[in-house]
Amino acid sequence: MAKAGKAINESNRSLSRYLEEIGKFEPLHPDREVELAIRIKKNDRRALKELVTANL
């Protein structure tokens, strides 16, 4: 039972850390998503990184 409790606590800490990290990024406006998609089709790697990062 102690192992299960420890695993849950560790999982909660990991989730909290993840949520804290993704909270640092602003959600994209739909128009910006379209703009990035167009740039990605033209092989713009910066646009791809921005889109992926924003959708973590």
PDB file of N, CA and C in Angstrom:
ATOM      1  N   MET A   1       0.814  -1.187   0.000  1.00  0.00           N
ATOM      2  CA  MET A   1       0.000   0.000   0.000  1.00  0.00           C
ATOM      3  C   MET A   1       0.865   1.261   0.000  1.00  0.00           C
ATOM      4  N   ALA A   2       1.975   1.230   0.720  1.00  0.00           N
ATOM      5  CA  ALA A   2       2.854   2.394   0.786  1.00  0.00           C
ATOM      6  C   ALA A   2       3.429   2.720  -0.582  1.00  0.00           C
ATOM      7  N   LYS A   3       3.743   1.686  -1.358  1.00  0.00           N
ATOM      8  CA  LYS A   3       4.287   1.905  -2.700  1.00  0.00           C
ATOM      9  C   LYS A   3       3.272   2.612  -3.586  1.00  0.00           C
ATOM     10  N   ALA A   4       2.015   2.233  -3.485  1.00  0.00           N
ATOM     11  CA  ALA A   4       0.967   2.850  -4.301  1.00  0.00           C
ATOM     12  C   ALA A   4       0.816   4.321  -3.936  1.00  0.00           C
ATOM     13  N   GLY A   5       0.830   4.625  -2.653  1.00  0.00           N
ATOM     14  CA  GLY A   5       0.720   6.016  -2.213  1.00  0.00           C
ATOM     15  C   GLY A   5       1.882   6.858  -2.697  1.00  0.00           C
ATOM     16  N   LYS A   6       3.076   6.286  -2.653  1.00  0.00           N
ATOM     17  CA  LYS A   6       4.271   6.995  -3.117  1.00  0.00           C
ATOM     18  C   LYS A   6       4.179   7.251  -4.618  1.00  0.00           C
ATOM     19  N   ALA A   7       3.721   6.269  -5.368  1.00  0.00           N
ATOM     20  CA  ALA A   7       3.588   6.417  -6.818  1.00  0.00           C
ATOM     21  C   ALA A   7       2.565   7.491  -7.163  1.00  0.00           C
ATOM     22  N   ILE A   8       1.473   7.533  -6.418  1.00  0.00           N
ATOM     23  CA  ILE A   8       0.445   8.552  -6.665  1.00  0.00           C
ATOM     24  C   ILE A   8       0.988   9.941  -6.368  1.00  0.00           C
ATOM     25  N   ASN A   9       1.704  10.094  -5.251  1.00  0.00           N
ATOM     26  CA  ASN A   9       2.290  11.393  -4.915  1.00  0.00           C
ATOM     27  C   ASN A   9       3.274  11.847  -5.975  1.00  0.00           C
ATOM     28  N   GLU A  10       4.098  10.926  -6.443  1.00  0.00           N
ATOM     29  CA  GLU A  10       5.072  11.262  -7.480  1.00  0.00           C
ATOM     30  C   GLU A  10       4.360  11.647  -8.775  1.00  0.00           C
ATOM     31  N   SER A  11       3.314  10.929  -9.100  1.00  0.00           N
ATOM     32  CA  SER A  11       2.528  11.230 -10.295  1.00  0.00           C
ATOM     33  C   SER A  11       1.887  12.609 -10.177  1.00  0.00           C
ATOM     34  N   ASN A  12       1.366  12.929  -9.009  1.00  0.00           N
ATOM     35  CA  ASN A  12       0.757  14.244  -8.790  1.00  0.00           C
ATOM     36  C   ASN A  12       1.782  15.360  -8.935  1.00  0.00           C
ATOM     37  N   ARG A  13       2.981  15.134  -8.415  1.00  0.00           N
ATOM     38  CA  ARG A  13       4.040  16.140  -8.551  1.00  0.00           C
ATOM     39  C   ARG A  13       4.414  16.333 -10.012  1.00  0.00           C
ATOM     40  N   SER A  14       4.511  15.235 -10.741  1.00  0.00           N
ATOM     41  CA  SER A  14       4.849  15.319 -12.164  1.00  0.00           C
ATOM     42  C   SER A  14       3.776  16.071 -12.930  1.00  0.00           C
ATOM     43  N   LEU A  15       2.533  15.769 -12.641  1.00  0.00           N
ATOM     44  CA  LEU A  15       1.428  16.454 -13.308  1.00  0.00           C
ATOM     45  C   LEU A  15       1.432  17.939 -12.966  1.00  0.00           C
ATOM     46  N   SER A  16       1.645  18.257 -11.718  1.00  0.00           N
ATOM     47  CA  SER A  16       1.700  19.660 -11.301  1.00  0.00           C
ATOM     48  C   SER A  16       2.824  20.400 -12.009  1.00  0.00           C
ATOM     49  N   ARG A  17       3.973  19.765 -12.113  1.00  0.00           N
ATOM     50  CA  ARG A  17       5.118  20.369 -12.792  1.00  0.00           C
ATOM     51  C   ARG A  17       4.798  20.607 -14.266  1.00  0.00           C
ATOM     52  N   TYR A  18       4.182  19.610 -14.907  1.00  0.00           N
ATOM     53  CA  TYR A  18       3.803  19.729 -16.321  1.00  0.00           C
ATOM     54  C   TYR A  18       2.815  20.875 -16.516  1.00  0.00           C
ATOM     55  N   LEU A  19       1.796  20.936 -15.685  1.00  0.00           N
ATOM     56  CA  LEU A  19       0.797  21.997 -15.814  1.00  0.00           C
ATOM     57  C   LEU A  19       1.409  23.376 -15.585  1.00  0.00           C
ATOM     58  N   GLU A  20       2.346  23.460 -14.662  1.00  0.00           N
ATOM     59  CA  GLU A  20       3.036  24.724 -14.413  1.00  0.00           C
ATOM     60  C   GLU A  20       3.830  25.151 -15.646  1.00  0.00           C
ATOM     61  N   GLU A  21       4.521  24.210 -16.257  1.00  0.00           N
ATOM     62  CA  GLU A  21       5.324  24.515 -17.447  1.00  0.00           C
ATOM     63  C   GLU A  21       4.458  24.944 -18.625  1.00  0.00           C
ATOM     64  N   ILE A  22       3.387  24.218 -18.900  1.00  0.00           N
ATOM     65  CA  ILE A  22       2.565  24.576 -20.057  1.00  0.00           C
ATOM     66  C   ILE A  22       1.788  25.861 -19.810  1.00  0.00           C
ATOM     67  N   GLY A  23       1.600  26.211 -18.541  1.00  0.00           N
ATOM     68  CA  GLY A  23       0.923  27.460 -18.210  1.00  0.00           C
ATOM     69  C   GLY A  23       1.728  28.688 -18.595  1.00  0.00           C
ATOM     70  N   LYS A  24       2.989  28.512 -18.914  1.00  0.00           N
ATOM     71  CA  LYS A  24       3.851  29.629 -19.316  1.00  0.00           C
ATOM     72  C   LYS A  24       3.593  30.071 -20.751  1.00  0.00           C
ATOM     73  N   PHE A  25       2.861  29.255 -21.511  1.00  0.00           N
ATOM     74  CA  PHE A  25       2.617  29.546 -22.917  1.00  0.00           C
ATOM     75  C   PHE A  25       1.190  30.032 -23.121  1.00  0.00           C
ATOM     76  N   GLU A  26       1.060  31.092 -23.909  1.00  0.00           N
ATOM     77  CA  GLU A  26      -0.259  31.618 -24.243  1.00  0.00           C
ATOM     78  C   GLU A  26      -0.899  30.754 -25.323  1.00  0.00           C
ATOM     79  N   PRO A  27      -2.213  30.527 -25.224  1.00  0.00           N
ATOM     80  CA  PRO A  27      -2.890  29.797 -26.303  1.00  0.00           C
ATOM     81  C   PRO A  27      -2.869  30.631 -27.583  1.00  0.00           C
ATOM     82  N   LEU A  28      -2.846  29.945 -28.705  1.00  0.00           N
ATOM     83  CA  LEU A  28      -2.822  30.643 -29.986  1.00  0.00           C
ATOM     84  C   LEU A  28      -4.222  31.090 -30.389  1.00  0.00           C
ATOM     85  N   HIS A  29      -4.277  32.247 -31.003  1.00  0.00           N
ATOM     86  CA  HIS A  29      -5.523  32.727 -31.605  1.00  0.00           C
ATOM     87  C   HIS A  29      -5.747  31.890 -32.868  1.00  0.00           C
ATOM     88  N   PRO A  30      -6.987  31.560 -33.202  1.00  0.00           N
ATOM     89  CA  PRO A  30      -7.245  30.743 -34.400  1.00  0.00           C
ATOM     90  C   PRO A  30      -6.612  31.296 -35.680  1.00  0.00           C
ATOM     91  N   ASP A  31      -6.591  32.611 -35.828  1.00  0.00           N
ATOM     92  CA  ASP A  31      -5.961  33.205 -37.018  1.00  0.00           C
ATOM     93  C   ASP A  31      -4.467  32.902 -37.056  1.00  0.00           C
ATOM     94  N   ARG A  32      -3.844  32.917 -35.883  1.00  0.00           N
ATOM     95  CA  ARG A  32      -2.408  32.616 -35.802  1.00  0.00           C
ATOM     96  C   ARG A  32      -2.162  31.150 -36.159  1.00  0.00           C
ATOM     97  N   GLU A  33      -3.048  30.265 -35.736  1.00  0.00           N
ATOM     98  CA  GLU A  33      -2.912  28.847 -36.082  1.00  0.00           C
ATOM     99  C   GLU A  33      -2.949  28.655 -37.592  1.00  0.00           C
ATOM    100  N   VAL A  34      -3.860  29.360 -38.252  1.00  0.00           N
ATOM    101  CA  VAL A  34      -3.962  29.260 -39.713  1.00  0.00           C
ATOM    102  C   VAL A  34      -2.678  29.773 -40.355  1.00  0.00           C
ATOM    103  N   GLU A  35      -2.196  30.906 -39.875  1.00  0.00           N
ATOM    104  CA  GLU A  35      -0.953  31.478 -40.411  1.00  0.00           C
ATOM    105  C   GLU A  35       0.209  30.497 -40.250  1.00  0.00           C
ATOM    106  N   LEU A  36       0.310  29.888 -39.082  1.00  0.00           N
ATOM    107  CA  LEU A  36       1.385  28.927 -38.840  1.00  0.00           C
ATOM    108  C   LEU A  36       1.236  27.700 -39.730  1.00  0.00           C
ATOM    109  N   ALA A  37       0.015  27.233 -39.913  1.00  0.00           N
ATOM    110  CA  ALA A  37      -0.216  26.063 -40.773  1.00  0.00           C
ATOM    111  C   ALA A  37       0.236  26.340 -42.201  1.00  0.00           C
ATOM    112  N   ILE A  38      -0.048  27.524 -42.687  1.00  0.00           N
ATOM    113  CA  ILE A  38       0.380  27.899 -44.042  1.00  0.00           C
ATOM    114  C   ILE A  38       1.905  27.902 -44.121  1.00  0.00           C
ATOM    115  N   ARG A  39       2.546  28.475 -43.107  1.00  0.00           N
ATOM    116  CA  ARG A  39       4.012  28.510 -43.087  1.00  0.00           C
ATOM    117  C   ARG A  39       4.606  27.110 -42.959  1.00  0.00           C
ATOM    118  N   ILE A  40       3.947  26.245 -42.195  1.00  0.00           N
ATOM    119  CA  ILE A  40       4.434  24.873 -42.036  1.00  0.00           C
ATOM    120  C   ILE A  40       4.385  24.140 -43.368  1.00  0.00           C
ATOM    121  N   LYS A  41       3.340  24.373 -44.150  1.00  0.00           N
ATOM    122  CA  LYS A  41       3.246  23.748 -45.474  1.00  0.00           C
ATOM    123  C   LYS A  41       4.396  24.171 -46.377  1.00  0.00           C
ATOM    124  N   LYS A  42       4.987  25.324 -46.069  1.00  0.00           N
ATOM    125  CA  LYS A  42       6.141  25.817 -46.832  1.00  0.00           C
ATOM    126  C   LYS A  42       7.453  25.422 -46.150  1.00  0.00           C
ATOM    127  N   ASN A  43       7.374  24.434 -45.258  1.00  0.00           N
ATOM    128  CA  ASN A  43       8.547  23.886 -44.544  1.00  0.00           C
ATOM    129  C   ASN A  43       9.215  24.869 -43.586  1.00  0.00           C
ATOM    130  N   ASP A  44       8.432  25.717 -42.950  1.00  0.00           N
ATOM    131  CA  ASP A  44       8.961  26.659 -41.965  1.00  0.00           C
ATOM    132  C   ASP A  44       9.038  25.952 -40.608  1.00  0.00           C
ATOM    133  N   ARG A  45      10.252  25.623 -40.198  1.00  0.00           N
ATOM    134  CA  ARG A  45      10.437  24.871 -38.955  1.00  0.00           C
ATOM    135  C   ARG A  45      10.126  25.709 -37.714  1.00  0.00           C
ATOM    136  N   ARG A  46      10.352  27.001 -37.783  1.00  0.00           N
ATOM    137  CA  ARG A  46      10.021  27.857 -36.637  1.00  0.00           C
ATOM    138  C   ARG A  46       8.515  27.860 -36.388  1.00  0.00           C
ATOM    139  N   ALA A  47       7.757  27.902 -37.480  1.00  0.00           N
ATOM    140  CA  ALA A  47       6.299  27.870 -37.361  1.00  0.00           C
ATOM    141  C   ALA A  47       5.855  26.545 -36.745  1.00  0.00           C
ATOM    142  N   LEU A  48       6.479  25.469 -37.161  1.00  0.00           N
ATOM    143  CA  LEU A  48       6.146  24.151 -36.620  1.00  0.00           C
ATOM    144  C   LEU A  48       6.430  24.102 -35.123  1.00  0.00           C
ATOM    145  N   LYS A  49       7.580  24.600 -34.735  1.00  0.00           N
ATOM    146  CA  LYS A  49       7.944  24.603 -33.315  1.00  0.00           C
ATOM    147  C   LYS A  49       6.954  25.442 -32.506  1.00  0.00           C
ATOM    148  N   GLU A  50       6.578  26.594 -33.037  1.00  0.00           N
ATOM    149  CA  GLU A  50       5.634  27.459 -32.325  1.00  0.00           C
ATOM    150  C   GLU A  50       4.277  26.775 -32.157  1.00  0.00           C
ATOM    151  N   LEU A  51       3.802  26.135 -33.217  1.00  0.00           N
ATOM    152  CA  LEU A  51       2.505  25.468 -33.159  1.00  0.00           C
ATOM    153  C   LEU A  51       2.529  24.300 -32.174  1.00  0.00           C
ATOM    154  N   VAL A  52       3.575  23.512 -32.226  1.00  0.00           N
ATOM    155  CA  VAL A  52       3.681  22.362 -31.320  1.00  0.00           C
ATOM    156  C   VAL A  52       3.788  22.836 -29.873  1.00  0.00           C
ATOM    157  N   THR A  53       4.622  23.816 -29.632  1.00  0.00           N
ATOM    158  CA  THR A  53       4.818  24.328 -28.276  1.00  0.00           C
ATOM    159  C   THR A  53       3.526  24.903 -27.711  1.00  0.00           C
ATOM    160  N   ALA A  54       2.787  25.605 -28.541  1.00  0.00           N
ATOM    161  CA  ALA A  54       1.541  26.223 -28.078  1.00  0.00           C
ATOM    162  C   ALA A  54       0.468  25.189 -27.774  1.00  0.00           C
ATOM    163  N   ASN A  55       0.591  24.007 -28.329  1.00  0.00           N
ATOM    164  CA  ASN A  55      -0.431  22.981 -28.141  1.00  0.00           C
ATOM    165  C   ASN A  55       0.017  21.858 -27.212  1.00  0.00           C
ATOM    166  N   LEU A  56       0.931  22.165 -26.316  1.00  0.00           N
ATOM    167  CA  LEU A  56       1.361  21.164 -25.345  1.00  0.00           C
ATOM    168  C   LEU A  56       0.225  20.866 -24.402  1.00  0.00           C
TER     169      LEU A  56
END
